[in-house]
Amino acid sequence: MGSKEKVSEELLLEEEVVAQNEIVLYNDDVNTFDHVIDTLIYACEHTAEQAEQCSIIVHYKGKCTVKTGPYDDLKPRCTMLLDAGLSAEIV
């Protein structure tokens, strides 16, 4: 194995070690579409279109991944969703 191939293999291994967590938003019978959309824009920095699509998926499928990234970035965002009365968790 050449040194270039070895470096590529090491980079792939390092990328696998960096765990990508997800915030999963769950459906409820309490919050309006507008509230969910506004909260996703605020807490997850979604565009209006992203937030609307996620709210529709949550409504019809029961849940939707709304943000992916390192845990330290997701924790405060998930807290904002929970503080807004939404049902979410980091997985």
C-alpha atoms as a PDB file:
ATOM      1  CA  MET A   1       0.000   0.000   0.000  1.00  0.00           C
ATOM      2  CA  GLY A   2       1.455   3.381  -0.992  1.00  0.00           C
ATOM      3  CA  SER A   3       1.671   6.311   1.412  1.00  0.00           C
ATOM      4  CA  LYS A   4      -1.116   8.174  -0.411  1.00  0.00           C
ATOM      5  CA  GLU A   5      -3.466   5.185  -0.054  1.00  0.00           C
ATOM      6  CA  LYS A   6      -2.543   4.830   3.628  1.00  0.00           C
ATOM      7  CA  VAL A   7      -3.339   8.505   4.302  1.00  0.00           C
ATOM      8  CA  SER A   8      -6.687   8.143   2.522  1.00  0.00           C
ATOM      9  CA  GLU A   9      -7.514   5.087   4.622  1.00  0.00           C
ATOM     10  CA  GLU A  10      -6.603   6.909   7.844  1.00  0.00           C
ATOM     11  CA  LEU A  11      -8.811   9.876   6.882  1.00  0.00           C
ATOM     12  CA  LEU A  12     -11.736   7.541   6.228  1.00  0.00           C
ATOM     13  CA  LEU A  13     -11.258   5.943   9.631  1.00  0.00           C
ATOM     14  CA  GLU A  14     -11.132   9.361  11.333  1.00  0.00           C
ATOM     15  CA  GLU A  15     -14.353  10.441   9.587  1.00  0.00           C
ATOM     16  CA  GLU A  16     -16.127   7.332  10.881  1.00  0.00           C
ATOM     17  CA  VAL A  17     -15.032   8.109  14.445  1.00  0.00           C
ATOM     18  CA  VAL A  18     -16.629  11.596  14.340  1.00  0.00           C
ATOM     19  CA  ALA A  19     -20.113  10.595  15.376  1.00  0.00           C
ATOM     20  CA  GLN A  20     -22.951  12.426  13.701  1.00  0.00           C
ATOM     21  CA  ASN A  21     -25.906  12.728  16.023  1.00  0.00           C
ATOM     22  CA  GLU A  22     -29.403  13.700  14.949  1.00  0.00           C
ATOM     23  CA  ILE A  23     -32.217  15.721  16.452  1.00  0.00           C
ATOM     24  CA  VAL A  24     -35.445  13.844  15.832  1.00  0.00           C
ATOM     25  CA  LEU A  25     -38.669  15.844  16.074  1.00  0.00           C
ATOM     26  CA  TYR A  26     -41.840  13.947  16.953  1.00  0.00           C
ATOM     27  CA  ASN A  27     -45.451  14.660  16.090  1.00  0.00           C
ATOM     28  CA  ASP A  28     -47.904  15.861  18.715  1.00  0.00           C
ATOM     29  CA  ASP A  29     -51.517  17.008  18.740  1.00  0.00           C
ATOM     30  CA  VAL A  30     -50.736  20.322  20.441  1.00  0.00           C
ATOM     31  CA  ASN A  31     -48.481  22.527  18.325  1.00  0.00           C
ATOM     32  CA  THR A  32     -49.562  24.294  15.138  1.00  0.00           C
ATOM     33  CA  PHE A  33     -47.677  24.041  11.861  1.00  0.00           C
ATOM     34  CA  ASP A  34     -46.767  27.726  12.150  1.00  0.00           C
ATOM     35  CA  HIS A  35     -45.285  27.251  15.625  1.00  0.00           C
ATOM     36  CA  VAL A  36     -43.237  24.221  14.520  1.00  0.00           C
ATOM     37  CA  ILE A  37     -42.018  26.043  11.396  1.00  0.00           C
ATOM     38  CA  ASP A  38     -41.062  29.188  13.314  1.00  0.00           C
ATOM     39  CA  THR A  39     -39.252  27.131  15.956  1.00  0.00           C
ATOM     40  CA  LEU A  40     -37.275  25.121  13.383  1.00  0.00           C
ATOM     41  CA  ILE A  41     -36.210  28.347  11.675  1.00  0.00           C
ATOM     42  CA  TYR A  42     -35.097  29.777  15.013  1.00  0.00           C
ATOM     43  CA  ALA A  43     -33.546  26.732  16.705  1.00  0.00           C
ATOM     44  CA  CYS A  44     -32.163  24.778  13.742  1.00  0.00           C
ATOM     45  CA  GLU A  45     -31.508  27.637  11.313  1.00  0.00           C
ATOM     46  CA  HIS A  46     -33.800  26.093   8.705  1.00  0.00           C
ATOM     47  CA  THR A  47     -35.019  28.024   5.718  1.00  0.00           C
ATOM     48  CA  ALA A  48     -38.779  28.506   5.634  1.00  0.00           C
ATOM     49  CA  GLU A  49     -39.008  25.767   2.988  1.00  0.00           C
ATOM     50  CA  GLN A  50     -36.935  23.285   5.029  1.00  0.00           C
ATOM     51  CA  ALA A  51     -38.989  23.960   8.138  1.00  0.00           C
ATOM     52  CA  GLU A  52     -42.268  23.556   6.270  1.00  0.00           C
ATOM     53  CA  GLN A  53     -41.149  20.267   4.706  1.00  0.00           C
ATOM     54  CA  CYS A  54     -40.010  18.910   8.083  1.00  0.00           C
ATOM     55  CA  SER A  55     -43.308  19.881   9.712  1.00  0.00           C
ATOM     56  CA  ILE A  56     -45.247  18.051   6.999  1.00  0.00           C
ATOM     57  CA  ILE A  57     -43.054  14.937   7.346  1.00  0.00           C
ATOM     58  CA  VAL A  58     -43.503  14.997  11.134  1.00  0.00           C
ATOM     59  CA  HIS A  59     -47.262  15.339  10.722  1.00  0.00           C
ATOM     60  CA  TYR A  60     -47.644  12.412   8.311  1.00  0.00           C
ATOM     61  CA  LYS A  61     -44.775  10.106   9.346  1.00  0.00           C
ATOM     62  CA  GLY A  62     -44.749  10.806  13.101  1.00  0.00           C
ATOM     63  CA  LYS A  63     -41.135  11.939  13.243  1.00  0.00           C
ATOM     64  CA  CYS A  64     -38.379  13.576  11.218  1.00  0.00           C
ATOM     65  CA  THR A  65     -34.660  14.205  11.591  1.00  0.00           C
ATOM     66  CA  VAL A  66     -34.406  17.999  11.659  1.00  0.00           C
ATOM     67  CA  LYS A  67     -30.673  18.545  12.291  1.00  0.00           C
ATOM     68  CA  THR A  68     -27.527  16.427  12.083  1.00  0.00           C
ATOM     69  CA  GLY A  69     -24.154  17.217  13.575  1.00  0.00           C
ATOM     70  CA  PRO A  70     -21.885  16.924  16.578  1.00  0.00           C
ATOM     71  CA  TYR A  71     -23.609  16.522  19.942  1.00  0.00           C
ATOM     72  CA  ASP A  72     -22.236  19.794  21.320  1.00  0.00           C
ATOM     73  CA  ASP A  73     -23.926  21.714  18.481  1.00  0.00           C
ATOM     74  CA  LEU A  74     -27.209  19.815  18.752  1.00  0.00           C
ATOM     75  CA  LYS A  75     -27.687  19.961  22.533  1.00  0.00           C
ATOM     76  CA  PRO A  76     -28.592  23.688  22.762  1.00  0.00           C
ATOM     77  CA  ARG A  77     -30.740  23.427  19.626  1.00  0.00           C
ATOM     78  CA  CYS A  78     -32.679  20.481  21.047  1.00  0.00           C
ATOM     79  CA  THR A  79     -33.128  22.394  24.303  1.00  0.00           C
ATOM     80  CA  MET A  80     -34.635  25.299  22.328  1.00  0.00           C
ATOM     81  CA  LEU A  81     -37.090  22.913  20.658  1.00  0.00           C
ATOM     82  CA  LEU A  82     -38.077  21.414  24.002  1.00  0.00           C
ATOM     83  CA  ASP A  83     -38.402  24.848  25.615  1.00  0.00           C
ATOM     84  CA  ALA A  84     -40.776  25.804  22.786  1.00  0.00           C
ATOM     85  CA  GLY A  85     -43.003  22.855  23.715  1.00  0.00           C
ATOM     86  CA  LEU A  86     -41.965  20.535  20.905  1.00  0.00           C
ATOM     87  CA  SER A  87     -41.160  16.866  21.375  1.00  0.00           C
ATOM     88  CA  ALA A  88     -37.586  16.122  20.294  1.00  0.00           C
ATOM     89  CA  GLU A  89     -34.528  14.113  21.245  1.00  0.00           C
ATOM     90  CA  ILE A  90     -30.926  13.619  20.179  1.00  0.00           C
ATOM     91  CA  VAL A  91     -30.169  10.145  18.856  1.00  0.00           C
END
